[in-house]
Amino acid sequence: WGYVPDHRSILKSVEKLAAGHYRLLRHDAEPAAARSWWDV
């Protein structure tokens, strides 16, 4: 593609929060996956 898309990062340890998504994190739980809040 000529760029690294949002579903990937050049580093294995890094992620990108996708467009139209959110994450709700808590201290007493594993990091929650991103959830979509808008689509066209």
PDB file of all heavy atoms in Angstrom:
ATOM      1  N   TRP A   1       0.793  -1.229   0.000  1.00  0.00           N
ATOM      2  CA  TRP A   1       0.000   0.000   0.000  1.00  0.00           C
ATOM      3  C   TRP A   1       0.826   1.280   0.000  1.00  0.00           C
ATOM      4  O   TRP A   1       0.294   2.349  -0.323  1.00  0.00           O
ATOM      5  CB  TRP A   1      -0.943   0.014   1.211  1.00  0.00           C
ATOM      6  CG  TRP A   1      -1.708  -1.254   1.381  1.00  0.00           C
ATOM      7  CD1 TRP A   1      -1.672  -2.104   2.451  1.00  0.00           C
ATOM      8  CD2 TRP A   1      -2.629  -1.853   0.452  1.00  0.00           C
ATOM      9  NE1 TRP A   1      -2.503  -3.174   2.256  1.00  0.00           N
ATOM     10  CE2 TRP A   1      -3.102  -3.048   1.028  1.00  0.00           C
ATOM     11  CE3 TRP A   1      -3.095  -1.474  -0.820  1.00  0.00           C
ATOM     12  CZ2 TRP A   1      -4.018  -3.880   0.374  1.00  0.00           C
ATOM     13  CZ3 TRP A   1      -4.000  -2.300  -1.459  1.00  0.00           C
ATOM     14  CH2 TRP A   1      -4.456  -3.488  -0.868  1.00  0.00           C
ATOM     15  N   GLY A   2       2.083   1.216   0.419  1.00  0.00           N
ATOM     16  CA  GLY A   2       2.885   2.434   0.530  1.00  0.00           C
ATOM     17  C   GLY A   2       2.780   3.080   1.892  1.00  0.00           C
ATOM     18  O   GLY A   2       3.353   4.142   2.138  1.00  0.00           O
ATOM     19  N   TYR A   3       2.047   2.446   2.806  1.00  0.00           N
ATOM     20  CA  TYR A   3       1.914   2.907   4.186  1.00  0.00           C
ATOM     21  C   TYR A   3       1.550   1.684   5.019  1.00  0.00           C
ATOM     22  O   TYR A   3       1.182   0.628   4.474  1.00  0.00           O
ATOM     23  CB  TYR A   3       0.838   3.993   4.330  1.00  0.00           C
ATOM     24  CG  TYR A   3      -0.513   3.581   3.776  1.00  0.00           C
ATOM     25  CD1 TYR A   3      -1.469   2.962   4.583  1.00  0.00           C
ATOM     26  CD2 TYR A   3      -0.839   3.806   2.439  1.00  0.00           C
ATOM     27  CE1 TYR A   3      -2.693   2.569   4.065  1.00  0.00           C
ATOM     28  CE2 TYR A   3      -2.060   3.426   1.915  1.00  0.00           C
ATOM     29  CZ  TYR A   3      -2.979   2.798   2.737  1.00  0.00           C
ATOM     30  OH  TYR A   3      -4.200   2.413   2.227  1.00  0.00           O
ATOM     31  N   VAL A   4       1.639   1.793   6.324  1.00  0.00           N
ATOM     32  CA  VAL A   4       1.231   0.709   7.208  1.00  0.00           C
ATOM     33  C   VAL A   4      -0.192   1.009   7.661  1.00  0.00           C
ATOM     34  O   VAL A   4      -0.423   1.983   8.375  1.00  0.00           O
ATOM     35  CB  VAL A   4       2.166   0.585   8.428  1.00  0.00           C
ATOM     36  CG1 VAL A   4       1.729  -0.577   9.311  1.00  0.00           C
ATOM     37  CG2 VAL A   4       3.614   0.378   7.970  1.00  0.00           C
ATOM     38  N   PRO A   5      -1.178   0.213   7.244  1.00  0.00           N
ATOM     39  CA  PRO A   5      -2.583   0.536   7.533  1.00  0.00           C
ATOM     40  C   PRO A   5      -2.903   0.513   9.022  1.00  0.00           C
ATOM     41  O   PRO A   5      -2.109   0.038   9.850  1.00  0.00           O
ATOM     42  CB  PRO A   5      -3.360  -0.565   6.786  1.00  0.00           C
ATOM     43  CG  PRO A   5      -2.384  -1.192   5.850  1.00  0.00           C
ATOM     44  CD  PRO A   5      -1.031  -1.016   6.465  1.00  0.00           C
ATOM     45  N   ASP A   6      -4.103   0.980   9.344  1.00  0.00           N
ATOM     46  CA  ASP A   6      -4.489   1.120  10.743  1.00  0.00           C
ATOM     47  C   ASP A   6      -4.603  -0.200  11.493  1.00  0.00           C
ATOM     48  O   ASP A   6      -4.578  -0.211  12.727  1.00  0.00           O
ATOM     49  CB  ASP A   6      -5.821   1.879  10.848  1.00  0.00           C
ATOM     50  CG  ASP A   6      -5.628   3.383  10.868  1.00  0.00           C
ATOM     51  OD1 ASP A   6      -4.485   3.827  10.755  1.00  0.00           O
ATOM     52  OD2 ASP A   6      -6.627   4.114  11.006  1.00  0.00           O
ATOM     53  N   HIS A   7      -4.758  -1.307  10.791  1.00  0.00           N
ATOM     54  CA  HIS A   7      -4.859  -2.585  11.502  1.00  0.00           C
ATOM     55  C   HIS A   7      -3.485  -3.140  11.890  1.00  0.00           C
ATOM     56  O   HIS A   7      -3.403  -4.212  12.481  1.00  0.00           O
ATOM     57  CB  HIS A   7      -5.611  -3.618  10.656  1.00  0.00           C
ATOM     58  CG  HIS A   7      -4.936  -3.946   9.352  1.00  0.00           C
ATOM     59  ND1 HIS A   7      -5.317  -3.376   8.161  1.00  0.00           N
ATOM     60  CD2 HIS A   7      -3.900  -4.776   9.041  1.00  0.00           C
ATOM     61  CE1 HIS A   7      -4.559  -3.845   7.182  1.00  0.00           C
ATOM     62  NE2 HIS A   7      -3.687  -4.691   7.698  1.00  0.00           N
ATOM     63  N   ARG A   8      -2.436  -2.427  11.572  1.00  0.00           N
ATOM     64  CA  ARG A   8      -1.079  -2.910  11.805  1.00  0.00           C
ATOM     65  C   ARG A   8      -0.185  -1.756  12.244  1.00  0.00           C
ATOM     66  O   ARG A   8      -0.495  -0.587  12.037  1.00  0.00           O
ATOM     67  CB  ARG A   8      -0.510  -3.518  10.520  1.00  0.00           C
ATOM     68  CG  ARG A   8       0.766  -4.312  10.693  1.00  0.00           C
ATOM     69  CD  ARG A   8       0.518  -5.757  10.973  1.00  0.00           C
ATOM     70  NE  ARG A   8      -0.282  -6.385   9.917  1.00  0.00           N
ATOM     71  CZ  ARG A   8      -1.036  -7.468  10.103  1.00  0.00           C
ATOM     72  NH1 ARG A   8      -1.092  -8.024  11.293  1.00  0.00           N
ATOM     73  NH2 ARG A   8      -1.726  -7.986   9.097  1.00  0.00           N
ATOM     74  N   SER A   9       0.957  -2.102  12.822  1.00  0.00           N
ATOM     75  CA  SER A   9       2.013  -1.126  13.114  1.00  0.00           C
ATOM     76  C   SER A   9       3.345  -1.728  12.707  1.00  0.00           C
ATOM     77  O   SER A   9       3.493  -2.956  12.642  1.00  0.00           O
ATOM     78  CB  SER A   9       2.034  -0.770  14.600  1.00  0.00           C
ATOM     79  OG  SER A   9       3.230  -0.081  14.936  1.00  0.00           O
ATOM     80  N   ILE A  10       4.313  -0.887  12.424  1.00  0.00           N
ATOM     81  CA  ILE A  10       5.634  -1.368  12.045  1.00  0.00           C
ATOM     82  C   ILE A  10       6.278  -2.142  13.197  1.00  0.00           C
ATOM     83  O   ILE A  10       7.103  -3.023  12.974  1.00  0.00           O
ATOM     84  CB  ILE A  10       6.548  -0.188  11.608  1.00  0.00           C
ATOM     85  CG1 ILE A  10       7.847  -0.700  10.978  1.00  0.00           C
ATOM     86  CG2 ILE A  10       6.822   0.743  12.765  1.00  0.00           C
ATOM     87  CD1 ILE A  10       7.662  -1.431   9.682  1.00  0.00           C
ATOM     88  N   LEU A  11       5.879  -1.852  14.439  1.00  0.00           N
ATOM     89  CA  LEU A  11       6.383  -2.560  15.608  1.00  0.00           C
ATOM     90  C   LEU A  11       5.317  -3.517  16.137  1.00  0.00           C
ATOM     91  O   LEU A  11       4.143  -3.149  16.262  1.00  0.00           O
ATOM     92  CB  LEU A  11       6.776  -1.572  16.708  1.00  0.00           C
ATOM     93  CG  LEU A  11       7.875  -0.563  16.360  1.00  0.00           C
ATOM     94  CD1 LEU A  11       8.150   0.355  17.545  1.00  0.00           C
ATOM     95  CD2 LEU A  11       9.149  -1.258  15.907  1.00  0.00           C
ATOM     96  N   LYS A  12       5.729  -4.719  16.478  1.00  0.00           N
ATOM     97  CA  LYS A  12       4.777  -5.731  16.951  1.00  0.00           C
ATOM     98  C   LYS A  12       4.056  -5.308  18.222  1.00  0.00           C
ATOM     99  O   LYS A  12       2.917  -5.713  18.465  1.00  0.00           O
ATOM    100  CB  LYS A  12       5.507  -7.053  17.197  1.00  0.00           C
ATOM    101  CG  LYS A  12       5.865  -7.831  15.948  1.00  0.00           C
ATOM    102  CD  LYS A  12       6.461  -9.186  16.321  1.00  0.00           C
ATOM    103  CE  LYS A  12       6.718 -10.034  15.087  1.00  0.00           C
ATOM    104  NZ  LYS A  12       7.280 -11.365  15.447  1.00  0.00           N
ATOM    105  N   SER A  13       4.716  -4.513  19.044  1.00  0.00           N
ATOM    106  CA  SER A  13       4.141  -4.157  20.349  1.00  0.00           C
ATOM    107  C   SER A  13       3.153  -2.996  20.283  1.00  0.00           C
ATOM    108  O   SER A  13       2.549  -2.653  21.299  1.00  0.00           O
ATOM    109  CB  SER A  13       5.279  -3.791  21.319  1.00  0.00           C
ATOM    110  OG  SER A  13       6.021  -2.685  20.813  1.00  0.00           O
ATOM    111  N   VAL A  14       2.997  -2.396  19.114  1.00  0.00           N
ATOM    112  CA  VAL A  14       2.198  -1.173  18.986  1.00  0.00           C
ATOM    113  C   VAL A  14       0.933  -1.434  18.174  1.00  0.00           C
ATOM    114  O   VAL A  14       0.947  -2.198  17.207  1.00  0.00           O
ATOM    115  CB  VAL A  14       3.032  -0.049  18.329  1.00  0.00           C
ATOM    116  CG1 VAL A  14       2.179   1.194  18.068  1.00  0.00           C
ATOM    117  CG2 VAL A  14       4.225   0.304  19.214  1.00  0.00           C
ATOM    118  N   GLU A  15      -0.159  -0.796  18.566  1.00  0.00           N
ATOM    119  CA  GLU A  15      -1.419  -0.833  17.828  1.00  0.00           C
ATOM    120  C   GLU A  15      -1.881   0.587  17.564  1.00  0.00           C
ATOM    121  O   GLU A  15      -1.452   1.541  18.235  1.00  0.00           O
ATOM    122  CB  GLU A  15      -2.504  -1.576  18.612  1.00  0.00           C
ATOM    123  CG  GLU A  15      -2.212  -3.036  18.861  1.00  0.00           C
ATOM    124  CD  GLU A  15      -3.325  -3.716  19.646  1.00  0.00           C
ATOM    125  OE1 GLU A  15      -4.162  -2.981  20.236  1.00  0.00           O
ATOM    126  OE2 GLU A  15      -3.374  -4.953  19.677  1.00  0.00           O
ATOM    127  N   LYS A  16      -2.773   0.735  16.583  1.00  0.00           N
ATOM    128  CA  LYS A  16      -3.421   2.018  16.329  1.00  0.00           C
ATOM    129  C   LYS A  16      -4.902   1.880  16.645  1.00  0.00           C
ATOM    130  O   LYS A  16      -5.509   0.872  16.274  1.00  0.00           O
ATOM    131  CB  LYS A  16      -3.247   2.435  14.872  1.00  0.00           C
ATOM    132  CG  LYS A  16      -1.805   2.580  14.428  1.00  0.00           C
ATOM    133  CD  LYS A  16      -1.703   2.624  12.922  1.00  0.00           C
ATOM    134  CE  LYS A  16      -0.245   2.521  12.489  1.00  0.00           C
ATOM    135  NZ  LYS A  16      -0.100   2.271  11.051  1.00  0.00           N
ATOM    136  N   LEU A  17      -5.453   2.845  17.337  1.00  0.00           N
ATOM    137  CA  LEU A  17      -6.895   2.864  17.525  1.00  0.00           C
ATOM    138  C   LEU A  17      -7.520   3.252  16.194  1.00  0.00           C
ATOM    139  O   LEU A  17      -7.209   4.302  15.631  1.00  0.00           O
ATOM    140  CB  LEU A  17      -7.286   3.863  18.611  1.00  0.00           C
ATOM    141  CG  LEU A  17      -8.778   3.902  18.974  1.00  0.00           C
ATOM    142  CD1 LEU A  17      -9.235   2.548  19.520  1.00  0.00           C
ATOM    143  CD2 LEU A  17      -9.058   5.003  19.979  1.00  0.00           C
ATOM    144  N   ALA A  18      -8.378   2.399  15.654  1.00  0.00           N
ATOM    145  CA  ALA A  18      -8.941   2.629  14.329  1.00  0.00           C
ATOM    146  C   ALA A  18      -9.908   3.808  14.332  1.00  0.00           C
ATOM    147  O   ALA A  18     -10.493   4.165  15.364  1.00  0.00           O
ATOM    148  CB  ALA A  18      -9.660   1.375  13.842  1.00  0.00           C
ATOM    149  N   ALA A  19     -10.096   4.407  13.172  1.00  0.00           N
ATOM    150  CA  ALA A  19     -11.057   5.500  13.020  1.00  0.00           C
ATOM    151  C   ALA A  19     -12.440   5.033  13.453  1.00  0.00           C
ATOM    152  O   ALA A  19     -12.839   3.897  13.190  1.00  0.00           O
ATOM    153  CB  ALA A  19     -11.091   5.952  11.561  1.00  0.00           C
ATOM    154  N   GLY A  20     -13.172   5.922  14.134  1.00  0.00           N
ATOM    155  CA  GLY A  20     -14.521   5.597  14.559  1.00  0.00           C
ATOM    156  C   GLY A  20     -14.584   4.512  15.619  1.00  0.00           C
ATOM    157  O   GLY A  20     -15.595   3.816  15.736  1.00  0.00           O
ATOM    158  N   HIS A  21     -13.539   4.348  16.411  1.00  0.00           N
ATOM    159  CA  HIS A  21     -13.492   3.330  17.463  1.00  0.00           C
ATOM    160  C   HIS A  21     -13.133   3.959  18.810  1.00  0.00           C
ATOM    161  O   HIS A  21     -12.586   5.067  18.862  1.00  0.00           O
ATOM    162  CB  HIS A  21     -12.455   2.246  17.131  1.00  0.00           C
ATOM    163  CG  HIS A  21     -12.931   1.244  16.133  1.00  0.00           C
ATOM    164  ND1 HIS A  21     -13.190   1.573  14.822  1.00  0.00           N
ATOM    165  CD2 HIS A  21     -13.194  -0.098  16.253  1.00  0.00           C
ATOM    166  CE1 HIS A  21     -13.596   0.488  14.172  1.00  0.00           C
ATOM    167  NE2 HIS A  21     -13.599  -0.520  15.003  1.00  0.00           N
ATOM    168  N   TYR A  22     -13.435   3.222  19.884  1.00  0.00           N
ATOM    169  CA  TYR A  22     -13.044   3.654  21.225  1.00  0.00           C
ATOM    170  C   TYR A  22     -12.624   2.435  22.038  1.00  0.00           C
ATOM    171  O   TYR A  22     -12.914   1.285  21.693  1.00  0.00           O
ATOM    172  CB  TYR A  22     -14.189   4.393  21.928  1.00  0.00           C
ATOM    173  CG  TYR A  22     -15.333   3.505  22.381  1.00  0.00           C
ATOM    174  CD1 TYR A  22     -15.292   2.833  23.611  1.00  0.00           C
ATOM    175  CD2 TYR A  22     -16.462   3.334  21.583  1.00  0.00           C
ATOM    176  CE1 TYR A  22     -16.335   2.012  24.022  1.00  0.00           C
ATOM    177  CE2 TYR A  22     -17.512   2.519  21.983  1.00  0.00           C
ATOM    178  CZ  TYR A  22     -17.440   1.863  23.205  1.00  0.00           C
ATOM    179  OH  TYR A  22     -18.467   1.042  23.614  1.00  0.00           O
ATOM    180  N   ARG A  23     -11.916   2.693  23.137  1.00  0.00           N
ATOM    181  CA  ARG A  23     -11.573   1.658  24.113  1.00  0.00           C
ATOM    182  C   ARG A  23     -11.908   2.184  25.505  1.00  0.00           C
ATOM    183  O   ARG A  23     -11.622   3.349  25.824  1.00  0.00           O
ATOM    184  CB  ARG A  23     -10.087   1.289  24.051  1.00  0.00           C
ATOM    185  CG  ARG A  23      -9.665   0.643  22.757  1.00  0.00           C
ATOM    186  CD  ARG A  23      -8.190   0.274  22.747  1.00  0.00           C
ATOM    187  NE  ARG A  23      -7.933  -0.898  23.582  1.00  0.00           N
ATOM    188  CZ  ARG A  23      -6.725  -1.480  23.680  1.00  0.00           C
ATOM    189  NH1 ARG A  23      -5.692  -0.979  23.017  1.00  0.00           N
ATOM    190  NH2 ARG A  23      -6.558  -2.548  24.445  1.00  0.00           N
ATOM    191  N   LEU A  24     -12.515   1.338  26.308  1.00  0.00           N
ATOM    192  CA  LEU A  24     -12.839   1.687  27.692  1.00  0.00           C
ATOM    193  C   LEU A  24     -12.061   0.739  28.600  1.00  0.00           C
ATOM    194  O   LEU A  24     -12.330  -0.458  28.646  1.00  0.00           O
ATOM    195  CB  LEU A  24     -14.344   1.568  27.931  1.00  0.00           C
ATOM    196  CG  LEU A  24     -14.871   2.121  29.265  1.00  0.00           C
ATOM    197  CD1 LEU A  24     -14.575   3.623  29.382  1.00  0.00           C
ATOM    198  CD2 LEU A  24     -16.361   1.860  29.395  1.00  0.00           C
ATOM    199  N   LEU A  25     -11.061   1.276  29.298  1.00  0.00           N
ATOM    200  CA  LEU A  25     -10.123   0.468  30.079  1.00  0.00           C
ATOM    201  C   LEU A  25     -10.402   0.613  31.572  1.00  0.00           C
ATOM    202  O   LEU A  25     -10.745   1.702  32.053  1.00  0.00           O
ATOM    203  CB  LEU A  25      -8.690   0.902  29.780  1.00  0.00           C
ATOM    204  CG  LEU A  25      -8.288   0.940  28.297  1.00  0.00           C
ATOM    205  CD1 LEU A  25      -6.891   1.511  28.151  1.00  0.00           C
ATOM    206  CD2 LEU A  25      -8.378  -0.439  27.678  1.00  0.00           C
ATOM    207  N   ARG A  26     -10.203  -0.509  32.295  1.00  0.00           N
ATOM    208  CA  ARG A  26     -10.414  -0.521  33.745  1.00  0.00           C
ATOM    209  C   ARG A  26      -9.147  -1.026  34.442  1.00  0.00           C
ATOM    210  O   ARG A  26      -8.412  -1.838  33.894  1.00  0.00           O
ATOM    211  CB  ARG A  26     -11.599  -1.428  34.098  1.00  0.00           C
ATOM    212  CG  ARG A  26     -12.895  -1.027  33.412  1.00  0.00           C
ATOM    213  CD  ARG A  26     -14.047  -1.963  33.778  1.00  0.00           C
ATOM    214  NE  ARG A  26     -15.246  -1.620  33.036  1.00  0.00           N
ATOM    215  CZ  ARG A  26     -16.097  -0.653  33.371  1.00  0.00           C
ATOM    216  NH1 ARG A  26     -15.866   0.057  34.470  1.00  0.00           N
ATOM    217  NH2 ARG A  26     -17.160  -0.396  32.641  1.00  0.00           N
ATOM    218  N   HIS A  27      -8.967  -0.570  35.663  1.00  0.00           N
ATOM    219  CA  HIS A  27      -7.794  -1.019  36.414  1.00  0.00           C
ATOM    220  C   HIS A  27      -7.889  -2.490  36.789  1.00  0.00           C
ATOM    221  O   HIS A  27      -6.863  -3.155  36.955  1.00  0.00           O
ATOM    222  CB  HIS A  27      -7.642  -0.197  37.699  1.00  0.00           C
ATOM    223  CG  HIS A  27      -7.195   1.208  37.479  1.00  0.00           C
ATOM    224  ND1 HIS A  27      -6.000   1.528  36.885  1.00  0.00           N
ATOM    225  CD2 HIS A  27      -7.784   2.397  37.787  1.00  0.00           C
ATOM    226  CE1 HIS A  27      -5.865   2.843  36.828  1.00  0.00           C
ATOM    227  NE2 HIS A  27      -6.943   3.393  37.363  1.00  0.00           N
ATOM    228  N   ASP A  28      -9.097  -3.010  36.946  1.00  0.00           N
ATOM    229  CA  ASP A  28      -9.259  -4.372  37.463  1.00  0.00           C
ATOM    230  C   ASP A  28      -9.519  -5.400  36.365  1.00  0.00           C
ATOM    231  O   ASP A  28     -10.080  -6.463  36.625  1.00  0.00           O
ATOM    232  CB  ASP A  28     -10.414  -4.406  38.474  1.00  0.00           C
ATOM    233  CG  ASP A  28     -11.724  -3.905  37.875  1.00  0.00           C
ATOM    234  OD1 ASP A  28     -11.718  -3.482  36.699  1.00  0.00           O
ATOM    235  OD2 ASP A  28     -12.757  -3.939  38.581  1.00  0.00           O
ATOM    236  N   ALA A  29      -9.131  -5.076  35.126  1.00  0.00           N
ATOM    237  CA  ALA A  29      -9.397  -6.003  34.026  1.00  0.00           C
ATOM    238  C   ALA A  29      -8.321  -5.867  32.957  1.00  0.00           C
ATOM    239  O   ALA A  29      -7.613  -4.863  32.877  1.00  0.00           O
ATOM    240  CB  ALA A  29     -10.780  -5.720  33.425  1.00  0.00           C
ATOM    241  N   GLU A  30      -8.191  -6.904  32.127  1.00  0.00           N
ATOM    242  CA  GLU A  30      -7.309  -6.839  30.980  1.00  0.00           C
ATOM    243  C   GLU A  30      -7.795  -5.746  30.027  1.00  0.00           C
ATOM    244  O   GLU A  30      -8.998  -5.438  29.986  1.00  0.00           O
ATOM    245  CB  GLU A  30      -7.284  -8.182  30.251  1.00  0.00           C
ATOM    246  CG  GLU A  30      -6.473  -9.255  30.969  1.00  0.00           C
ATOM    247  CD  GLU A  30      -4.997  -8.885  31.019  1.00  0.00           C
ATOM    248  OE1 GLU A  30      -4.394  -8.686  29.945  1.00  0.00           O
ATOM    249  OE2 GLU A  30      -4.452  -8.783  32.136  1.00  0.00           O
ATOM    250  N   PRO A  31      -6.897  -5.152  29.234  1.00  0.00           N
ATOM    251  CA  PRO A  31      -7.315  -4.074  28.325  1.00  0.00           C
ATOM    252  C   PRO A  31      -8.432  -4.528  27.382  1.00  0.00           C
ATOM    253  O   PRO A  31      -8.306  -5.542  26.688  1.00  0.00           O
ATOM    254  CB  PRO A  31      -6.032  -3.743  27.555  1.00  0.00           C
ATOM    255  CG  PRO A  31      -4.928  -4.211  28.437  1.00  0.00           C
ATOM    256  CD  PRO A  31      -5.444  -5.409  29.155  1.00  0.00           C
ATOM    257  N   ALA A  32      -9.519  -3.804  27.379  1.00  0.00           N
ATOM    258  CA  ALA A  32     -10.656  -4.138  26.525  1.00  0.00           C
ATOM    259  C   ALA A  32     -10.314  -3.864  25.065  1.00  0.00           C
ATOM    260  O   ALA A  32      -9.560  -2.936  24.747  1.00  0.00           O
ATOM    261  CB  ALA A  32     -11.875  -3.316  26.935  1.00  0.00           C
ATOM    262  N   ALA A  33     -10.862  -4.685  24.170  1.00  0.00           N
ATOM    263  CA  ALA A  33     -10.656  -4.480  22.737  1.00  0.00           C
ATOM    264  C   ALA A  33     -11.377  -3.214  22.283  1.00  0.00           C
ATOM    265  O   ALA A  33     -12.322  -2.743  22.914  1.00  0.00           O
ATOM    266  CB  ALA A  33     -11.178  -5.687  21.965  1.00  0.00           C
ATOM    267  N   ALA A  34     -10.912  -2.674  21.169  1.00  0.00           N
ATOM    268  CA  ALA A  34     -11.554  -1.488  20.598  1.00  0.00           C
ATOM    269  C   ALA A  34     -12.942  -1.851  20.078  1.00  0.00           C
ATOM    270  O   ALA A  34     -13.172  -2.954  19.568  1.00  0.00           O
ATOM    271  CB  ALA A  34     -10.704  -0.927  19.469  1.00  0.00           C
ATOM    272  N   ARG A  35     -13.866  -0.906  20.196  1.00  0.00           N
ATOM    273  CA  ARG A  35     -15.236  -1.102  19.712  1.00  0.00           C
ATOM    274  C   ARG A  35     -15.594   0.022  18.744  1.00  0.00           C
ATOM    275  O   ARG A  35     -15.229   1.184  18.952  1.00  0.00           O
ATOM    276  CB  ARG A  35     -16.236  -1.123  20.877  1.00  0.00           C
ATOM    277  CG  ARG A  35     -15.963  -2.221  21.882  1.00  0.00           C
ATOM    278  CD  ARG A  35     -17.049  -2.300  22.943  1.00  0.00           C
ATOM    279  NE  ARG A  35     -18.339  -2.657  22.366  1.00  0.00           N
ATOM    280  CZ  ARG A  35     -19.447  -2.825  23.085  1.00  0.00           C
ATOM    281  NH1 ARG A  35     -19.410  -2.670  24.408  1.00  0.00           N
ATOM    282  NH2 ARG A  35     -20.589  -3.140  22.491  1.00  0.00           N
ATOM    283  N   SER A  36     -16.316  -0.333  17.696  1.00  0.00           N
ATOM    284  CA  SER A  36     -16.728   0.653  16.707  1.00  0.00           C
ATOM    285  C   SER A  36     -17.893   1.475  17.226  1.00  0.00           C
ATOM    286  O   SER A  36     -18.845   0.933  17.811  1.00  0.00           O
ATOM    287  CB  SER A  36     -17.134  -0.058  15.409  1.00  0.00           C
ATOM    288  OG  SER A  36     -17.691   0.860  14.479  1.00  0.00           O
ATOM    289  N   TRP A  37     -17.842   2.790  17.010  1.00  0.00           N
ATOM    290  CA  TRP A  37     -18.966   3.630  17.403  1.00  0.00           C
ATOM    291  C   TRP A  37     -19.574   4.388  16.213  1.00  0.00           C
ATOM    292  O   TRP A  37     -20.605   5.055  16.371  1.00  0.00           O
ATOM    293  CB  TRP A  37     -18.545   4.616  18.494  1.00  0.00           C
ATOM    294  CG  TRP A  37     -17.541   5.666  18.095  1.00  0.00           C
ATOM    295  CD1 TRP A  37     -16.187   5.559  18.144  1.00  0.00           C
ATOM    296  CD2 TRP A  37     -17.814   6.985  17.624  1.00  0.00           C
ATOM    297  NE1 TRP A  37     -15.586   6.718  17.726  1.00  0.00           N
ATOM    298  CE2 TRP A  37     -16.567   7.629  17.396  1.00  0.00           C
ATOM    299  CE3 TRP A  37     -18.979   7.705  17.367  1.00  0.00           C
ATOM    300  CZ2 TRP A  37     -16.453   8.929  16.927  1.00  0.00           C
ATOM    301  CZ3 TRP A  37     -18.879   9.013  16.898  1.00  0.00           C
ATOM    302  CH2 TRP A  37     -17.629   9.605  16.687  1.00  0.00           C
ATOM    303  N   TRP A  38     -18.952   4.271  15.033  1.00  0.00           N
ATOM    304  CA  TRP A  38     -19.502   4.924  13.828  1.00  0.00           C
ATOM    305  C   TRP A  38     -19.063   4.162  12.595  1.00  0.00           C
ATOM    306  O   TRP A  38     -17.968   3.612  12.546  1.00  0.00           O
ATOM    307  CB  TRP A  38     -19.003   6.373  13.728  1.00  0.00           C
ATOM    308  CG  TRP A  38     -19.557   7.107  12.527  1.00  0.00           C
ATOM    309  CD1 TRP A  38     -20.747   7.787  12.466  1.00  0.00           C
ATOM    310  CD2 TRP A  38     -18.953   7.255  11.232  1.00  0.00           C
ATOM    311  NE1 TRP A  38     -20.918   8.335  11.210  1.00  0.00           N
ATOM    312  CE2 TRP A  38     -19.837   8.026  10.426  1.00  0.00           C
ATOM    313  CE3 TRP A  38     -17.760   6.808  10.671  1.00  0.00           C
ATOM    314  CZ2 TRP A  38     -19.550   8.362   9.108  1.00  0.00           C
ATOM    315  CZ3 TRP A  38     -17.478   7.132   9.347  1.00  0.00           C
ATOM    316  CH2 TRP A  38     -18.367   7.908   8.578  1.00  0.00           C
ATOM    317  N   ASP A  39     -19.953   4.124  11.611  1.00  0.00           N
ATOM    318  CA  ASP A  39     -19.615   3.578  10.305  1.00  0.00           C
ATOM    319  C   ASP A  39     -20.442   4.342   9.275  1.00  0.00           C
ATOM    320  O   ASP A  39     -21.455   4.966   9.608  1.00  0.00           O
ATOM    321  CB  ASP A  39     -19.933   2.081  10.239  1.00  0.00           C
ATOM    322  CG  ASP A  39     -19.230   1.367   9.093  1.00  0.00           C
ATOM    323  OD1 ASP A  39     -18.427   2.021   8.392  1.00  0.00           O
ATOM    324  OD2 ASP A  39     -19.476   0.168   8.905  1.00  0.00           O
ATOM    325  N   VAL A  40     -20.015   4.292   8.038  1.00  0.00           N
ATOM    326  CA  VAL A  40     -20.767   4.922   6.954  1.00  0.00           C
ATOM    327  C   VAL A  40     -21.468   3.825   6.167  1.00  0.00           C
ATOM    328  O   VAL A  40     -20.864   2.788   5.866  1.00  0.00           O
ATOM    329  CB  VAL A  40     -19.848   5.771   6.047  1.00  0.00           C
ATOM    330  CG1 VAL A  40     -18.743   4.931   5.419  1.00  0.00           C
ATOM    331  CG2 VAL A  40     -20.655   6.478   4.970  1.00  0.00           C
TER     332      VAL A  40
END
